[in-house]
Amino acid sequence: MAKICSGEWMNQLKDEWNADAEVSGALAEINFSSVIACGFKDDEKPSGVFIVENGICTRAGDYDGEEVNWDMRGTQANWEKWIKKPLTMTSMGMAVTMGKLKFVTGDFSAMIKNPKMAVPFVKSFGLMSKIGGE
């Protein structure tokens, strides 16, 4: 099992993302392109990066200084919890409000108000549960 937010883990997430029409297909419809990073709260930089072009993840791996549009952070324990029980729209809002899920970069409030972005984003946490992580 891959380490959460590692390059290997991000590549496994890429495969699930691209295979899921409710995520990649929905984002392709709105021409969503972004560089997404994730990692751990106390780290200086993110661990993994995920590059999306028109809804499709074209590259994923270890973070290597890329300029990111979204940088999500959580503790190891919270990432593990979200993988076991994926976030919903409500629980994601609570996680952000309580500081458990932190957006170092990216406008969470603007994204969550746009259903065409929010729904696939929340569904992406369900994809994480398919790959697990340690």
Protein backbone atom coordinates (compact mmCIF):
# COMPACT_ATOMS: atom_id res chain seq x y z
CA MET A 1 0.00 0.00 0.00
CA ALA A 2 1.36 3.41 -0.96
CA LYS A 3 2.11 6.19 1.49
CA ILE A 4 -0.64 8.83 1.48
CA CYS A 5 0.17 11.84 -0.75
CA SER A 6 3.34 10.17 -2.13
CA GLY A 7 4.05 10.10 -5.83
CA GLU A 8 2.99 6.45 -6.03
CA TRP A 9 -0.27 7.22 -4.22
CA MET A 10 -0.96 10.24 -6.45
CA ASN A 11 -0.46 8.06 -9.55
CA GLN A 12 -2.93 5.51 -8.23
CA LEU A 13 -5.39 8.35 -7.61
CA LYS A 14 -4.76 9.57 -11.18
CA ASP A 15 -5.87 6.19 -12.57
CA GLU A 16 -9.06 6.20 -10.47
CA TRP A 17 -9.77 9.86 -11.33
CA ASN A 18 -9.43 9.36 -15.08
CA ALA A 19 -11.60 6.22 -14.99
CA ASP A 20 -14.44 7.98 -13.13
CA ALA A 21 -16.74 9.92 -15.46
CA GLU A 22 -18.45 11.62 -12.50
CA VAL A 23 -15.11 13.24 -11.67
CA SER A 24 -13.00 13.60 -14.83
CA GLY A 25 -15.97 13.74 -17.20
CA ALA A 26 -17.84 16.32 -15.15
CA LEU A 27 -14.72 18.49 -14.89
CA ALA A 28 -14.00 18.09 -18.61
CA GLU A 29 -17.45 19.57 -19.31
CA ILE A 30 -16.36 22.83 -17.61
CA ASN A 31 -12.81 22.71 -19.03
CA PHE A 32 -11.34 22.46 -15.53
CA SER A 33 -7.56 22.65 -15.53
CA SER A 34 -5.51 22.98 -12.36
CA VAL A 35 -2.40 21.96 -10.49
CA ILE A 36 -3.46 20.31 -7.24
CA ALA A 37 -1.12 19.43 -4.39
CA CYS A 38 -1.68 17.66 -1.13
CA GLY A 39 0.32 16.92 1.93
CA PHE A 40 0.54 17.26 5.66
CA LYS A 41 -0.29 20.27 7.83
CA ASP A 42 3.08 20.81 9.47
CA ASP A 43 5.19 20.26 6.35
CA GLU A 44 6.77 23.22 4.60
CA LYS A 45 5.73 21.97 1.17
CA PRO A 46 3.18 19.50 -0.17
CA SER A 47 4.10 15.85 -0.75
CA GLY A 48 2.28 15.06 -3.98
CA VAL A 49 1.06 16.86 -7.07
CA PHE A 50 -1.79 16.17 -9.46
CA ILE A 51 -2.03 18.03 -12.79
CA VAL A 52 -5.45 18.23 -14.42
CA GLU A 53 -6.02 19.44 -17.98
CA ASN A 54 -9.63 19.75 -19.12
CA GLY A 55 -10.79 17.34 -16.41
CA ILE A 56 -8.20 14.63 -17.10
CA CYS A 57 -5.21 14.09 -14.85
CA THR A 58 -2.25 14.19 -17.22
CA ARG A 59 0.49 13.84 -14.62
CA ALA A 60 0.77 12.92 -10.97
CA GLY A 61 3.69 12.28 -8.69
CA ASP A 62 5.92 13.71 -6.02
CA TYR A 63 5.75 17.48 -5.59
CA ASP A 64 8.77 19.08 -7.26
CA GLY A 65 8.27 22.83 -6.83
CA GLU A 66 5.36 23.17 -9.26
CA GLU A 67 3.26 26.32 -8.93
CA VAL A 68 -0.06 25.07 -7.59
CA ASN A 69 -3.62 26.34 -7.77
CA TRP A 70 -4.77 24.15 -4.89
CA ASP A 71 -2.76 22.90 -1.93
CA MET A 72 -4.70 20.79 0.56
CA ARG A 73 -3.25 19.73 3.88
CA GLY A 74 -4.35 17.50 6.71
CA THR A 75 -2.75 15.41 9.42
CA GLN A 76 -1.79 11.80 8.74
CA ALA A 77 -4.63 10.70 11.04
CA ASN A 78 -7.19 12.83 9.21
CA TRP A 79 -6.09 11.65 5.76
CA GLU A 80 -6.43 8.06 7.01
CA LYS A 81 -9.88 8.84 8.41
CA TRP A 82 -11.03 10.44 5.13
CA ILE A 83 -9.77 7.45 3.15
CA LYS A 84 -11.73 5.05 5.35
CA LYS A 85 -14.82 7.26 5.39
CA PRO A 86 -14.74 9.72 2.47
CA LEU A 87 -15.79 13.29 3.06
CA THR A 88 -19.24 14.43 2.01
CA MET A 89 -20.21 17.99 1.16
CA THR A 90 -21.25 18.56 4.77
CA SER A 91 -18.31 16.84 6.45
CA MET A 92 -15.88 18.61 4.12
CA GLY A 93 -17.30 21.98 5.13
CA MET A 94 -16.93 20.98 8.77
CA ALA A 95 -13.35 19.76 8.22
CA VAL A 96 -12.40 23.10 6.65
CA THR A 97 -14.23 25.12 9.32
CA MET A 98 -12.56 23.16 12.12
CA GLY A 99 -9.13 23.43 10.48
CA LYS A 100 -8.76 19.70 9.87
CA LEU A 101 -8.58 20.22 6.10
CA LYS A 102 -6.55 23.28 5.28
CA PHE A 103 -6.31 24.96 1.91
CA VAL A 104 -2.86 26.59 1.83
CA THR A 105 -3.62 27.68 -1.73
CA GLY A 106 -7.02 27.80 -3.44
CA ASP A 107 -10.36 29.41 -2.70
CA PHE A 108 -12.41 26.71 -1.00
CA SER A 109 -15.46 28.92 -0.44
CA ALA A 110 -15.67 29.90 -4.12
CA MET A 111 -15.20 26.30 -5.26
CA ILE A 112 -17.76 24.82 -2.88
CA LYS A 113 -20.41 27.31 -4.08
CA ASN A 114 -20.02 26.07 -7.66
CA PRO A 115 -21.78 22.67 -7.93
CA LYS A 116 -20.00 21.87 -11.22
CA MET A 117 -16.71 21.97 -9.32
CA ALA A 118 -17.80 20.99 -5.82
CA VAL A 119 -19.57 17.74 -6.64
CA PRO A 120 -16.61 16.17 -8.52
CA PHE A 121 -14.20 17.49 -5.88
CA VAL A 122 -16.11 15.79 -3.09
CA LYS A 123 -16.39 12.61 -5.19
CA SER A 124 -12.60 12.59 -5.56
CA PHE A 125 -12.34 11.83 -1.83
CA GLY A 126 -14.36 8.68 -2.53
CA LEU A 127 -11.72 7.70 -5.08
CA MET A 128 -9.10 7.91 -2.34
CA SER A 129 -10.94 5.20 -0.45
CA LYS A 130 -10.49 2.87 -3.44
CA ILE A 131 -6.70 3.08 -3.24
CA GLY A 132 -6.26 3.22 0.53
CA GLY A 133 -2.97 4.45 1.93
CA GLU A 134 -0.68 4.35 4.89
